[in-house]
PDB file of N, CA and C in Angstrom:
ATOM      1  N   MET A   1      -9.039  50.528 -56.232  1.00  0.00           N
ATOM      2  CA  MET A   1      -8.661  49.743 -54.854  1.00  0.00           C
ATOM      3  C   MET A   1      -9.820  48.437 -54.797  1.00  0.00           C
ATOM      4  N   ALA A   2      -8.876  47.406 -54.422  1.00  0.00           N
ATOM      5  CA  ALA A   2      -9.595  45.845 -54.290  1.00  0.00           C
ATOM      6  C   ALA A   2     -10.704  46.055 -53.381  1.00  0.00           C
ATOM      7  N   ALA A   3     -11.553  44.919 -53.717  1.00  0.00           N
ATOM      8  CA  ALA A   3     -12.805  44.979 -52.905  1.00  0.00           C
ATOM      9  C   ALA A   3     -12.106  44.096 -51.388  1.00  0.00           C
ATOM     10  N   ARG A   4     -12.316  44.259 -50.326  1.00  0.00           N
ATOM     11  CA  ARG A   4     -11.886  43.385 -49.579  1.00  0.00           C
ATOM     12  C   ARG A   4     -13.032  42.600 -48.630  1.00  0.00           C
ATOM     13  N   ASN A   5     -12.942  41.132 -48.722  1.00  0.00           N
ATOM     14  CA  ASN A   5     -13.827  40.438 -48.224  1.00  0.00           C
ATOM     15  C   ASN A   5     -13.718  40.000 -46.751  1.00  0.00           C
ATOM     16  N   ASP A   6     -14.430  40.539 -45.801  1.00  0.00           N
ATOM     17  CA  ASP A   6     -14.255  40.180 -44.138  1.00  0.00           C
ATOM     18  C   ASP A   6     -14.976  39.304 -44.003  1.00  0.00           C
ATOM     19  N   ALA A   7     -15.701  38.125 -44.745  1.00  0.00           N
ATOM     20  CA  ALA A   7     -16.272  37.285 -44.451  1.00  0.00           C
ATOM     21  C   ALA A   7     -15.362  36.044 -43.651  1.00  0.00           C
ATOM     22  N   PRO A   8     -16.190  35.545 -42.479  1.00  0.00           N
ATOM     23  CA  PRO A   8     -14.960  34.408 -42.298  1.00  0.00           C
ATOM     24  C   PRO A   8     -14.893  33.580 -43.180  1.00  0.00           C
ATOM     25  N   THR A   9     -14.135  32.685 -43.199  1.00  0.00           N
ATOM     26  CA  THR A   9     -13.535  31.759 -43.685  1.00  0.00           C
ATOM     27  C   THR A   9     -13.454  30.086 -43.432  1.00  0.00           C
ATOM     28  N   ALA A  10     -14.045  29.206 -43.718  1.00  0.00           N
ATOM     29  CA  ALA A  10     -13.793  27.751 -42.923  1.00  0.00           C
ATOM     30  C   ALA A  10     -12.549  27.496 -43.068  1.00  0.00           C
ATOM     31  N   PRO A  11     -12.040  26.809 -41.791  1.00  0.00           N
ATOM     32  CA  PRO A  11     -10.622  26.157 -41.982  1.00  0.00           C
ATOM     33  C   PRO A  11     -10.323  25.678 -42.859  1.00  0.00           C
ATOM     34  N   SER A  12      -9.176  25.246 -43.836  1.00  0.00           N
ATOM     35  CA  SER A  12      -9.133  24.277 -44.761  1.00  0.00           C
ATOM     36  C   SER A  12      -8.988  23.002 -44.066  1.00  0.00           C
ATOM     37  N   ARG A  13      -8.983  22.109 -45.271  1.00  0.00           N
ATOM     38  CA  ARG A  13      -9.237  20.970 -44.550  1.00  0.00           C
ATOM     39  C   ARG A  13      -7.711  20.275 -44.379  1.00  0.00           C
ATOM     40  N   ARG A  14      -7.004  21.032 -44.385  1.00  0.00           N
ATOM     41  CA  ARG A  14      -5.360  20.470 -44.343  1.00  0.00           C
ATOM     42  C   ARG A  14      -5.233  20.941 -42.592  1.00  0.00           C
ATOM     43  N   GLY A  15      -5.790  22.384 -42.435  1.00  0.00           N
ATOM     44  CA  GLY A  15      -5.865  22.828 -41.288  1.00  0.00           C
ATOM     45  C   GLY A  15      -6.827  21.832 -40.091  1.00  0.00           C
ATOM     46  N   ILE A  16      -7.796  21.284 -40.341  1.00  0.00           N
ATOM     47  CA  ILE A  16      -8.385  20.276 -39.331  1.00  0.00           C
ATOM     48  C   ILE A  16      -7.861  19.010 -39.386  1.00  0.00           C
ATOM     49  N   GLY A  17      -7.030  18.688 -40.462  1.00  0.00           N
ATOM     50  CA  GLY A  17      -6.490  17.695 -40.522  1.00  0.00           C
ATOM     51  C   GLY A  17      -5.376  17.531 -39.820  1.00  0.00           C
ATOM     52  N   ALA A  18      -4.522  18.948 -39.540  1.00  0.00           N
ATOM     53  CA  ALA A  18      -3.639  18.556 -38.433  1.00  0.00           C
ATOM     54  C   ALA A  18      -3.607  18.569 -37.473  1.00  0.00           C
ATOM     55  N   ARG A  19      -4.586  19.482 -36.939  1.00  0.00           N
ATOM     56  CA  ARG A  19      -5.149  19.921 -35.573  1.00  0.00           C
ATOM     57  C   ARG A  19      -5.771  18.430 -34.954  1.00  0.00           C
ATOM     58  N   SER A  20      -6.252  17.706 -35.848  1.00  0.00           N
ATOM     59  CA  SER A  20      -6.850  16.353 -35.481  1.00  0.00           C
ATOM     60  C   SER A  20      -5.922  15.268 -35.094  1.00  0.00           C
ATOM     61  N   ALA A  21      -5.004  15.349 -36.170  1.00  0.00           N
ATOM     62  CA  ALA A  21      -3.487  14.326 -35.651  1.00  0.00           C
ATOM     63  C   ALA A  21      -2.673  14.715 -34.873  1.00  0.00           C
ATOM     64  N   LEU A  22      -2.845  16.506 -34.375  1.00  0.00           N
ATOM     65  CA  LEU A  22      -2.236  16.735 -33.089  1.00  0.00           C
ATOM     66  C   LEU A  22      -3.183  16.520 -31.707  1.00  0.00           C
ATOM     67  N   ALA A  23      -4.318  16.440 -31.801  1.00  0.00           N
ATOM     68  CA  ALA A  23      -5.123  15.978 -30.797  1.00  0.00           C
ATOM     69  C   ALA A  23      -5.238  14.493 -30.534  1.00  0.00           C
ATOM     70  N   ALA A  24      -4.945  13.521 -31.595  1.00  0.00           N
ATOM     71  CA  ALA A  24      -4.849  12.196 -31.266  1.00  0.00           C
ATOM     72  C   ALA A  24      -3.349  11.853 -30.875  1.00  0.00           C
ATOM     73  N   ALA A  25      -2.399  12.565 -31.363  1.00  0.00           N
ATOM     74  CA  ALA A  25      -1.163  12.340 -30.784  1.00  0.00           C
ATOM     75  C   ALA A  25      -1.049  12.973 -28.978  1.00  0.00           C
ATOM     76  N   LEU A  26      -1.332  13.591 -28.931  1.00  0.00           N
ATOM     77  CA  LEU A  26      -1.448  14.295 -27.337  1.00  0.00           C
ATOM     78  C   LEU A  26      -2.075  13.133 -26.793  1.00  0.00           C
ATOM     79  N   LEU A  27      -3.480  12.692 -26.854  1.00  0.00           N
ATOM     80  CA  LEU A  27      -4.270  11.517 -26.290  1.00  0.00           C
ATOM     81  C   LEU A  27      -3.640  10.249 -25.879  1.00  0.00           C
ATOM     82  N   CYS A  28      -2.904  10.115 -27.500  1.00  0.00           N
ATOM     83  CA  CYS A  28      -2.286   8.866 -27.325  1.00  0.00           C
ATOM     84  C   CYS A  28      -0.791   9.110 -26.220  1.00  0.00           C
ATOM     85  N   ALA A  29      -0.303  10.101 -26.114  1.00  0.00           N
ATOM     86  CA  ALA A  29       0.800  10.360 -25.240  1.00  0.00           C
ATOM     87  C   ALA A  29       0.427  10.413 -23.638  1.00  0.00           C
ATOM     88  N   LEU A  30      -1.093  10.717 -23.521  1.00  0.00           N
ATOM     89  CA  LEU A  30      -1.381  10.757 -22.560  1.00  0.00           C
ATOM     90  C   LEU A  30      -1.701   9.721 -21.818  1.00  0.00           C
ATOM     91  N   PHE A  31      -2.343   8.565 -22.522  1.00  0.00           N
ATOM     92  CA  PHE A  31      -2.660   7.284 -22.338  1.00  0.00           C
ATOM     93  C   PHE A  31      -1.588   6.451 -21.751  1.00  0.00           C
ATOM     94  N   ALA A  32      -0.534   6.610 -22.763  1.00  0.00           N
ATOM     95  CA  ALA A  32       1.201   6.041 -22.741  1.00  0.00           C
ATOM     96  C   ALA A  32       1.572   6.142 -21.528  1.00  0.00           C
ATOM     97  N   ALA A  33       1.866   7.509 -21.284  1.00  0.00           N
ATOM     98  CA  ALA A  33       2.333   7.506 -19.962  1.00  0.00           C
ATOM     99  C   ALA A  33       1.636   7.156 -18.607  1.00  0.00           C
ATOM    100  N   SER A  34      -0.133   7.361 -18.750  1.00  0.00           N
ATOM    101  CA  SER A  34      -0.522   6.405 -17.708  1.00  0.00           C
ATOM    102  C   SER A  34      -0.277   5.105 -17.211  1.00  0.00           C
ATOM    103  N   ALA A  35      -0.258   4.395 -18.466  1.00  0.00           N
ATOM    104  CA  ALA A  35       0.094   3.133 -18.918  1.00  0.00           C
ATOM    105  C   ALA A  35       1.714   2.355 -18.463  1.00  0.00           C
ATOM    106  N   ALA A  36       2.326   3.451 -18.831  1.00  0.00           N
ATOM    107  CA  ALA A  36       3.789   3.376 -18.353  1.00  0.00           C
ATOM    108  C   ALA A  36       4.395   3.319 -17.178  1.00  0.00           C
ATOM    109  N   SER A  37       3.383   4.162 -16.362  1.00  0.00           N
ATOM    110  CA  SER A  37       3.451   4.387 -15.022  1.00  0.00           C
ATOM    111  C   SER A  37       3.135   3.417 -14.007  1.00  0.00           C
ATOM    112  N   ALA A  38       2.570   2.487 -14.505  1.00  0.00           N
ATOM    113  CA  ALA A  38       1.628   1.077 -13.925  1.00  0.00           C
ATOM    114  C   ALA A  38       2.979   0.041 -13.671  1.00  0.00           C
ATOM    115  N   ASP A  39       3.206  -0.406 -12.668  1.00  0.00           N
ATOM    116  CA  ASP A  39       4.208  -1.346 -12.225  1.00  0.00           C
ATOM    117  C   ASP A  39       3.664  -2.659 -12.231  1.00  0.00           C
ATOM    118  N   SER A  40       4.530  -3.714 -12.305  1.00  0.00           N
ATOM    119  CA  SER A  40       4.124  -4.870 -12.254  1.00  0.00           C
ATOM    120  C   SER A  40       4.596  -5.956 -11.198  1.00  0.00           C
ATOM    121  N   HIS A  41       3.808  -6.489 -10.329  1.00  0.00           N
ATOM    122  CA  HIS A  41       4.676  -6.965  -8.903  1.00  0.00           C
ATOM    123  C   HIS A  41       4.309  -8.527  -8.799  1.00  0.00           C
ATOM    124  N   VAL A  42       4.917  -9.589  -7.936  1.00  0.00           N
ATOM    125  CA  VAL A  42       4.943 -10.759  -8.032  1.00  0.00           C
ATOM    126  C   VAL A  42       5.029 -10.947  -6.284  1.00  0.00           C
ATOM    127  N   VAL A  43       4.049 -11.807  -6.033  1.00  0.00           N
ATOM    128  CA  VAL A  43       4.193 -12.455  -4.606  1.00  0.00           C
ATOM    129  C   VAL A  43       3.980 -13.803  -5.101  1.00  0.00           C
ATOM    130  N   VAL A  44       5.239 -14.485  -4.391  1.00  0.00           N
ATOM    131  CA  VAL A  44       5.089 -16.065  -4.748  1.00  0.00           C
ATOM    132  C   VAL A  44       4.584 -16.822  -3.338  1.00  0.00           C
ATOM    133  N   ILE A  45       3.437 -17.776  -3.624  1.00  0.00           N
ATOM    134  CA  ILE A  45       3.225 -18.700  -2.863  1.00  0.00           C
ATOM    135  C   ILE A  45       3.684 -19.745  -2.760  1.00  0.00           C
ATOM    136  N   GLU A  46       4.584 -19.779  -1.723  1.00  0.00           N
ATOM    137  CA  GLU A  46       5.492 -21.215  -1.600  1.00  0.00           C
ATOM    138  C   GLU A  46       5.912 -21.559  -0.322  1.00  0.00           C
ATOM    139  N   GLN A  47       5.818 -22.860   0.106  1.00  0.00           N
ATOM    140  CA  GLN A  47       6.226 -23.738   1.716  1.00  0.00           C
ATOM    141  C   GLN A  47       5.158 -22.866   2.501  1.00  0.00           C
ATOM    142  N   MET A  48       3.956 -22.477   2.108  1.00  0.00           N
ATOM    143  CA  MET A  48       3.171 -22.004   3.300  1.00  0.00           C
ATOM    144  C   MET A  48       3.269 -20.830   3.125  1.00  0.00           C
ATOM    145  N   ARG A  49       3.970 -19.795   2.490  1.00  0.00           N
ATOM    146  CA  ARG A  49       3.836 -18.397   2.751  1.00  0.00           C
ATOM    147  C   ARG A  49       3.773 -17.524   1.610  1.00  0.00           C
ATOM    148  N   PHE A  50       3.512 -16.042   1.607  1.00  0.00           N
ATOM    149  CA  PHE A  50       3.395 -15.342   0.773  1.00  0.00           C
ATOM    150  C   PHE A  50       4.841 -14.599   0.780  1.00  0.00           C
ATOM    151  N   THR A  51       5.375 -14.413  -0.229  1.00  0.00           N
ATOM    152  CA  THR A  51       6.811 -13.751  -0.248  1.00  0.00           C
ATOM    153  C   THR A  51       6.709 -12.960  -1.545  1.00  0.00           C
ATOM    154  N   PRO A  52       7.208 -11.479  -1.142  1.00  0.00           N
ATOM    155  CA  PRO A  52       7.301 -10.905   0.060  1.00  0.00           C
ATOM    156  C   PRO A  52       6.470 -10.809   0.968  1.00  0.00           C
ATOM    157  N   ALA A  53       6.045 -10.641   2.232  1.00  0.00           N
ATOM    158  CA  ALA A  53       5.220 -10.915   3.192  1.00  0.00           C
ATOM    159  C   ALA A  53       4.356  -9.420   3.206  1.00  0.00           C
ATOM    160  N   THR A  54       4.843  -8.491   2.990  1.00  0.00           N
ATOM    161  CA  THR A  54       4.466  -7.273   3.004  1.00  0.00           C
ATOM    162  C   THR A  54       4.988  -6.506   1.755  1.00  0.00           C
ATOM    163  N   LEU A  55       4.118  -5.830   1.076  1.00  0.00           N
ATOM    164  CA  LEU A  55       4.625  -5.572  -0.423  1.00  0.00           C
ATOM    165  C   LEU A  55       3.779  -3.872  -0.416  1.00  0.00           C
ATOM    166  N   THR A  56       4.711  -2.896  -0.765  1.00  0.00           N
ATOM    167  CA  THR A  56       4.490  -2.063  -1.011  1.00  0.00           C
ATOM    168  C   THR A  56       4.028  -1.144  -2.786  1.00  0.00           C
ATOM    169  N   VAL A  57       3.202  -1.007  -2.970  1.00  0.00           N
ATOM    170  CA  VAL A  57       2.744  -0.629  -4.926  1.00  0.00           C
ATOM    171  C   VAL A  57       1.839   0.900  -4.433  1.00  0.00           C
ATOM    172  N   HIS A  58       1.730   1.027  -5.996  1.00  0.00           N
ATOM    173  CA  HIS A  58       0.846   2.450  -6.084  1.00  0.00           C
ATOM    174  C   HIS A  58      -0.209   2.190  -6.886  1.00  0.00           C
ATOM    175  N   ARG A  59      -1.444   3.176  -6.479  1.00  0.00           N
ATOM    176  CA  ARG A  59      -2.404   2.714  -7.421  1.00  0.00           C
ATOM    177  C   ARG A  59      -2.283   2.466  -8.889  1.00  0.00           C
ATOM    178  N   GLY A  60      -3.155   1.532  -9.619  1.00  0.00           N
ATOM    179  CA  GLY A  60      -2.666   0.933 -10.585  1.00  0.00           C
ATOM    180  C   GLY A  60      -1.921   0.322 -11.059  1.00  0.00           C
ATOM    181  N   ASP A  61      -1.156  -0.118  -9.708  1.00  0.00           N
ATOM    182  CA  ASP A  61      -0.222  -1.353 -10.267  1.00  0.00           C
ATOM    183  C   ASP A  61      -0.677  -2.502 -10.521  1.00  0.00           C
ATOM    184  N   GLU A  62      -0.234  -3.670 -10.965  1.00  0.00           N
ATOM    185  CA  GLU A  62      -0.785  -4.862 -10.883  1.00  0.00           C
ATOM    186  C   GLU A  62       0.357  -5.724  -9.897  1.00  0.00           C
ATOM    187  N   VAL A  63      -0.589  -6.680  -9.136  1.00  0.00           N
ATOM    188  CA  VAL A  63       0.181  -7.361  -8.406  1.00  0.00           C
ATOM    189  C   VAL A  63      -0.447  -9.246  -9.124  1.00  0.00           C
ATOM    190  N   THR A  64       0.642 -10.172  -9.133  1.00  0.00           N
ATOM    191  CA  THR A  64       0.116 -10.963  -9.647  1.00  0.00           C
ATOM    192  C   THR A  64       1.009 -12.027  -8.408  1.00  0.00           C
ATOM    193  N   ARG A  65      -0.187 -13.357  -7.838  1.00  0.00           N
ATOM    194  CA  ARG A  65       0.343 -14.153  -7.102  1.00  0.00           C
ATOM    195  C   ARG A  65       0.343 -15.192  -7.790  1.00  0.00           C
ATOM    196  N   VAL A  66       1.872 -15.788  -7.614  1.00  0.00           N
ATOM    197  CA  VAL A  66       1.863 -17.171  -8.352  1.00  0.00           C
ATOM    198  C   VAL A  66       1.728 -18.046  -7.182  1.00  0.00           C
ATOM    199  N   ASN A  67       1.382 -19.321  -7.375  1.00  0.00           N
ATOM    200  CA  ASN A  67       1.418 -20.417  -6.713  1.00  0.00           C
ATOM    201  C   ASN A  67       2.109 -21.351  -7.083  1.00  0.00           C
ATOM    202  N   ARG A  68       3.041 -21.705  -6.308  1.00  0.00           N
ATOM    203  CA  ARG A  68       4.506 -22.612  -6.236  1.00  0.00           C
ATOM    204  C   ARG A  68       4.219 -23.814  -5.516  1.00  0.00           C
ATOM    205  N   ASP A  69       3.109 -23.649  -4.663  1.00  0.00           N
ATOM    206  CA  ASP A  69       2.983 -24.410  -3.610  1.00  0.00           C
ATOM    207  C   ASP A  69       2.359 -26.324  -4.170  1.00  0.00           C
ATOM    208  N   LEU A  70       2.378 -27.061  -3.490  1.00  0.00           N
ATOM    209  CA  LEU A  70       1.460 -28.247  -3.875  1.00  0.00           C
ATOM    210  C   LEU A  70       0.123 -28.357  -3.423  1.00  0.00           C
ATOM    211  N   PHE A  71      -0.247 -26.941  -2.847  1.00  0.00           N
ATOM    212  CA  PHE A  71      -1.694 -27.048  -2.719  1.00  0.00           C
ATOM    213  C   PHE A  71      -2.447 -25.538  -3.126  1.00  0.00           C
ATOM    214  N   PRO A  72      -4.042 -25.985  -2.915  1.00  0.00           N
ATOM    215  CA  PRO A  72      -4.552 -24.720  -3.640  1.00  0.00           C
ATOM    216  C   PRO A  72      -4.314 -23.632  -2.231  1.00  0.00           C
ATOM    217  N   HIS A  73      -4.510 -22.309  -2.697  1.00  0.00           N
ATOM    218  CA  HIS A  73      -4.378 -21.523  -1.720  1.00  0.00           C
ATOM    219  C   HIS A  73      -5.371 -19.948  -2.171  1.00  0.00           C
ATOM    220  N   THR A  74      -5.699 -19.362  -1.321  1.00  0.00           N
ATOM    221  CA  THR A  74      -6.272 -18.163  -1.520  1.00  0.00           C
ATOM    222  C   THR A  74      -5.233 -16.643  -0.819  1.00  0.00           C
ATOM    223  N   ALA A  75      -5.846 -15.735  -1.861  1.00  0.00           N
ATOM    224  CA  ALA A  75      -5.136 -14.103  -1.357  1.00  0.00           C
ATOM    225  C   ALA A  75      -6.308 -13.437  -0.748  1.00  0.00           C
ATOM    226  N   SER A  76      -6.736 -13.609   0.542  1.00  0.00           N
ATOM    227  CA  SER A  76      -8.395 -12.724   0.594  1.00  0.00           C
ATOM    228  C   SER A  76      -7.952 -11.942   1.618  1.00  0.00           C
ATOM    229  N   ALA A  77      -8.429 -10.188   1.196  1.00  0.00           N
ATOM    230  CA  ALA A  77      -8.333  -9.324   2.250  1.00  0.00           C
ATOM    231  C   ALA A  77      -9.125  -9.134   3.230  1.00  0.00           C
ATOM    232  N   ASP A  78      -8.444  -9.187   4.427  1.00  0.00           N
ATOM    233  CA  ASP A  78      -9.597  -8.677   5.434  1.00  0.00           C
ATOM    234  C   ASP A  78     -10.500  -7.968   4.921  1.00  0.00           C
ATOM    235  N   GLY A  79     -11.848  -7.994   4.973  1.00  0.00           N
ATOM    236  CA  GLY A  79     -12.928  -6.852   4.635  1.00  0.00           C
ATOM    237  C   GLY A  79     -13.387  -6.945   3.250  1.00  0.00           C
ATOM    238  N   HIS A  80     -13.077  -5.863   2.512  1.00  0.00           N
ATOM    239  CA  HIS A  80     -13.483  -6.286   1.096  1.00  0.00           C
ATOM    240  C   HIS A  80     -12.856  -5.638   0.024  1.00  0.00           C
ATOM    241  N   GLY A  81     -11.421  -5.789   0.591  1.00  0.00           N
ATOM    242  CA  GLY A  81     -10.457  -5.328  -0.448  1.00  0.00           C
ATOM    243  C   GLY A  81     -10.384  -6.230  -1.432  1.00  0.00           C
ATOM    244  N   PHE A  82      -9.956  -7.355  -1.689  1.00  0.00           N
ATOM    245  CA  PHE A  82     -10.044  -8.365  -2.828  1.00  0.00           C
ATOM    246  C   PHE A  82     -10.061  -9.847  -2.364  1.00  0.00           C
ATOM    247  N   ASP A  83     -10.401 -10.558  -3.390  1.00  0.00           N
ATOM    248  CA  ASP A  83     -10.439 -12.394  -3.266  1.00  0.00           C
ATOM    249  C   ASP A  83     -10.195 -12.595  -4.065  1.00  0.00           C
ATOM    250  N   SER A  84      -8.960 -13.507  -3.961  1.00  0.00           N
ATOM    251  CA  SER A  84      -8.676 -14.334  -5.619  1.00  0.00           C
ATOM    252  C   SER A  84      -9.425 -15.802  -5.770  1.00  0.00           C
ATOM    253  N   GLY A  85     -10.474 -15.976  -4.833  1.00  0.00           N
ATOM    254  CA  GLY A  85     -10.548 -17.512  -5.056  1.00  0.00           C
ATOM    255  C   GLY A  85      -9.440 -18.190  -4.780  1.00  0.00           C
ATOM    256  N   SER A  86     -10.009 -19.699  -5.185  1.00  0.00           N
ATOM    257  CA  SER A  86      -8.886 -20.211  -5.220  1.00  0.00           C
ATOM    258  C   SER A  86      -7.913 -20.440  -6.158  1.00  0.00           C
ATOM    259  N   ILE A  87      -7.095 -20.640  -5.567  1.00  0.00           N
ATOM    260  CA  ILE A  87      -5.406 -20.415  -6.863  1.00  0.00           C
ATOM    261  C   ILE A  87      -4.731 -21.842  -7.113  1.00  0.00           C
ATOM    262  N   ALA A  88      -5.003 -22.192  -7.955  1.00  0.00           N
ATOM    263  CA  ALA A  88      -4.343 -23.732  -7.816  1.00  0.00           C
ATOM    264  C   ALA A  88      -3.316 -23.920  -8.179  1.00  0.00           C
ATOM    265  N   PRO A  89      -2.524 -24.684  -7.467  1.00  0.00           N
ATOM    266  CA  PRO A  89      -0.839 -25.061  -7.455  1.00  0.00           C
ATOM    267  C   PRO A  89      -0.470 -24.909  -9.105  1.00  0.00           C
ATOM    268  N   GLN A  90       0.576 -24.072  -9.436  1.00  0.00           N
ATOM    269  CA  GLN A  90       1.289 -23.845 -10.682  1.00  0.00           C
ATOM    270  C   GLN A  90       0.104 -22.862 -11.119  1.00  0.00           C
ATOM    271  N   ALA A  91      -0.732 -22.186 -10.882  1.00  0.00           N
ATOM    272  CA  ALA A  91      -1.493 -21.043 -11.477  1.00  0.00           C
ATOM    273  C   ALA A  91      -1.293 -19.694 -10.869  1.00  0.00           C
ATOM    274  N   SER A  92      -1.810 -18.806 -11.318  1.00  0.00           N
ATOM    275  CA  SER A  92      -1.445 -17.473 -10.857  1.00  0.00           C
ATOM    276  C   SER A  92      -2.879 -16.535 -10.771  1.00  0.00           C
ATOM    277  N   TRP A  93      -2.909 -15.426  -9.904  1.00  0.00           N
ATOM    278  CA  TRP A  93      -4.032 -14.845 -10.276  1.00  0.00           C
ATOM    279  C   TRP A  93      -3.454 -12.999 -10.212  1.00  0.00           C
ATOM    280  N   ARG A  94      -4.221 -12.241 -10.469  1.00  0.00           N
ATOM    281  CA  ARG A  94      -3.987 -10.934 -10.847  1.00  0.00           C
ATOM    282  C   ARG A  94      -4.428  -9.660 -10.228  1.00  0.00           C
ATOM    283  N   TYR A  95      -4.230  -8.894  -9.638  1.00  0.00           N
ATOM    284  CA  TYR A  95      -4.803  -8.001  -9.015  1.00  0.00           C
ATOM    285  C   TYR A  95      -4.397  -6.769  -9.549  1.00  0.00           C
ATOM    286  N   VAL A  96      -5.457  -5.416 -10.016  1.00  0.00           N
ATOM    287  CA  VAL A  96      -4.904  -4.264 -10.075  1.00  0.00           C
ATOM    288  C   VAL A  96      -5.099  -3.642  -8.705  1.00  0.00           C
ATOM    289  N   ALA A  97      -3.845  -2.876  -8.200  1.00  0.00           N
ATOM    290  CA  ALA A  97      -4.467  -2.136  -6.807  1.00  0.00           C
ATOM    291  C   ALA A  97      -4.906  -0.920  -7.509  1.00  0.00           C
ATOM    292  N   ARG A  98      -6.633  -0.455  -6.904  1.00  0.00           N
ATOM    293  CA  ARG A  98      -6.989   0.544  -6.994  1.00  0.00           C
ATOM    294  C   ARG A  98      -7.728   1.870  -5.985  1.00  0.00           C
ATOM    295  N   GLU A  99      -7.564   0.757  -4.793  1.00  0.00           N
ATOM    296  CA  GLU A  99      -7.785   1.711  -3.442  1.00  0.00           C
ATOM    297  C   GLU A  99      -6.602   1.750  -2.612  1.00  0.00           C
ATOM    298  N   ARG A 100      -6.341   3.039  -1.993  1.00  0.00           N
ATOM    299  CA  ARG A 100      -5.105   3.239  -1.198  1.00  0.00           C
ATOM    300  C   ARG A 100      -5.831   2.709  -0.293  1.00  0.00           C
ATOM    301  N   GLY A 101      -4.452   2.355   0.909  1.00  0.00           N
ATOM    302  CA  GLY A 101      -4.604   1.886   2.131  1.00  0.00           C
ATOM    303  C   GLY A 101      -3.469   0.861   2.273  1.00  0.00           C
ATOM    304  N   ARG A 102      -3.634   0.017   3.524  1.00  0.00           N
ATOM    305  CA  ARG A 102      -3.142  -0.951   3.699  1.00  0.00           C
ATOM    306  C   ARG A 102      -4.215  -2.141   4.168  1.00  0.00           C
ATOM    307  N   LEU A 103      -3.730  -3.352   3.197  1.00  0.00           N
ATOM    308  CA  LEU A 103      -4.804  -4.354   2.864  1.00  0.00           C
ATOM    309  C   LEU A 103      -4.013  -5.460   3.666  1.00  0.00           C
ATOM    310  N   PRO A 104      -3.817  -6.008   4.540  1.00  0.00           N
ATOM    311  CA  PRO A 104      -3.958  -7.257   5.434  1.00  0.00           C
ATOM    312  C   PRO A 104      -4.866  -8.313   4.568  1.00  0.00           C
ATOM    313  N   TYR A 105      -3.886  -9.684   4.212  1.00  0.00           N
ATOM    314  CA  TYR A 105      -4.831 -10.451   3.556  1.00  0.00           C
ATOM    315  C   TYR A 105      -4.333 -11.897   4.339  1.00  0.00           C
ATOM    316  N   SER A 106      -5.027 -12.960   3.857  1.00  0.00           N
ATOM    317  CA  SER A 106      -4.773 -14.335   4.614  1.00  0.00           C
ATOM    318  C   SER A 106      -5.057 -15.106   3.203  1.00  0.00           C
ATOM    319  N   CYS A 107      -4.705 -16.592   3.676  1.00  0.00           N
ATOM    320  CA  CYS A 107      -5.147 -17.705   2.772  1.00  0.00           C
ATOM    321  C   CYS A 107      -6.556 -18.298   3.576  1.00  0.00           C
ATOM    322  N   THR A 108      -7.313 -17.979   3.123  1.00  0.00           N
ATOM    323  CA  THR A 108      -8.812 -19.055   3.680  1.00  0.00           C
ATOM    324  C   THR A 108      -8.450 -20.191   4.220  1.00  0.00           C
ATOM    325  N   PHE A 109      -7.730 -20.941   2.978  1.00  0.00           N
ATOM    326  CA  PHE A 109      -7.718 -22.695   3.529  1.00  0.00           C
ATOM    327  C   PHE A 109      -6.667 -22.763   4.717  1.00  0.00           C
ATOM    328  N   HIS A 110      -5.855 -21.945   4.815  1.00  0.00           N
ATOM    329  CA  HIS A 110      -4.906 -22.022   5.675  1.00  0.00           C
ATOM    330  C   HIS A 110      -4.292 -20.688   6.438  1.00  0.00           C
ATOM    331  N   PRO A 111      -5.280 -20.343   7.530  1.00  0.00           N
ATOM    332  CA  PRO A 111      -5.496 -19.327   8.189  1.00  0.00           C
ATOM    333  C   PRO A 111      -4.306 -18.691   9.029  1.00  0.00           C
ATOM    334  N   THR A 112      -2.861 -19.141   8.740  1.00  0.00           N
ATOM    335  CA  THR A 112      -1.658 -18.918   9.380  1.00  0.00           C
ATOM    336  C   THR A 112      -0.885 -18.455   8.248  1.00  0.00           C
ATOM    337  N   MET A 113      -1.433 -18.316   7.160  1.00  0.00           N
ATOM    338  CA  MET A 113      -0.705 -17.632   6.437  1.00  0.00           C
ATOM    339  C   MET A 113      -0.907 -16.199   5.920  1.00  0.00           C
ATOM    340  N   HIS A 114      -0.590 -15.369   6.392  1.00  0.00           N
ATOM    341  CA  HIS A 114      -0.742 -13.835   6.271  1.00  0.00           C
ATOM    342  C   HIS A 114       0.412 -13.086   5.303  1.00  0.00           C
ATOM    343  N   GLY A 115      -0.354 -11.889   4.712  1.00  0.00           N
ATOM    344  CA  GLY A 115       0.412 -10.721   4.172  1.00  0.00           C
ATOM    345  C   GLY A 115      -0.193  -9.679   4.122  1.00  0.00           C
ATOM    346  N   THR A 116       0.519  -8.558   3.763  1.00  0.00           N
ATOM    347  CA  THR A 116       0.032  -7.154   3.771  1.00  0.00           C
ATOM    348  C   THR A 116       0.189  -6.831   2.089  1.00  0.00           C
ATOM    349  N   LEU A 117      -0.756  -5.693   1.685  1.00  0.00           N
ATOM    350  CA  LEU A 117      -0.693  -5.144   0.455  1.00  0.00           C
ATOM    351  C   LEU A 117      -0.285  -3.829   1.080  1.00  0.00           C
ATOM    352  N   ILE A 118       0.331  -2.754   0.575  1.00  0.00           N
ATOM    353  CA  ILE A 118       0.167  -1.361   1.075  1.00  0.00           C
ATOM    354  C   ILE A 118       0.216  -1.005  -0.072  1.00  0.00           C
ATOM    355  N   VAL A 119      -1.315  -0.075  -0.582  1.00  0.00           N
ATOM    356  CA  VAL A 119      -1.258   0.552  -1.797  1.00  0.00           C
ATOM    357  C   VAL A 119      -1.097   2.401  -1.449  1.00  0.00           C
ATOM    358  N   ARG A 120      -0.174   3.005  -2.108  1.00  0.00           N
ATOM    359  CA  ARG A 120       0.031   4.293  -1.748  1.00  0.00           C
ATOM    360  C   ARG A 120      -0.542   4.842  -3.234  1.00  0.00           C
TER     361      ARG A 120
END
């Protein structure tokens, strides 16, 4: 009768490598899925207006404000949501929506310019 060896054995190098590769692939897929779900939106500043005046986005989406006007403008949320600072003519400013809610904003240089960002 052959002797039986019940001692635990270490996993083979091939087994560890395959598990590591699988774990890495799953992590990559997870990060790719979350990055792929974020959308990009553009608000154009032109003729002393934000267009669209109201924009609905999801958390994680990126909103770019492009100033096509002849003057510098800001996009400053009422309260503490966001503040672009001065956006020069032909320049842009990017913002990633992180907090859910309704964020009214205006241009601090031109208080008659208003917009609303709704984050779901």
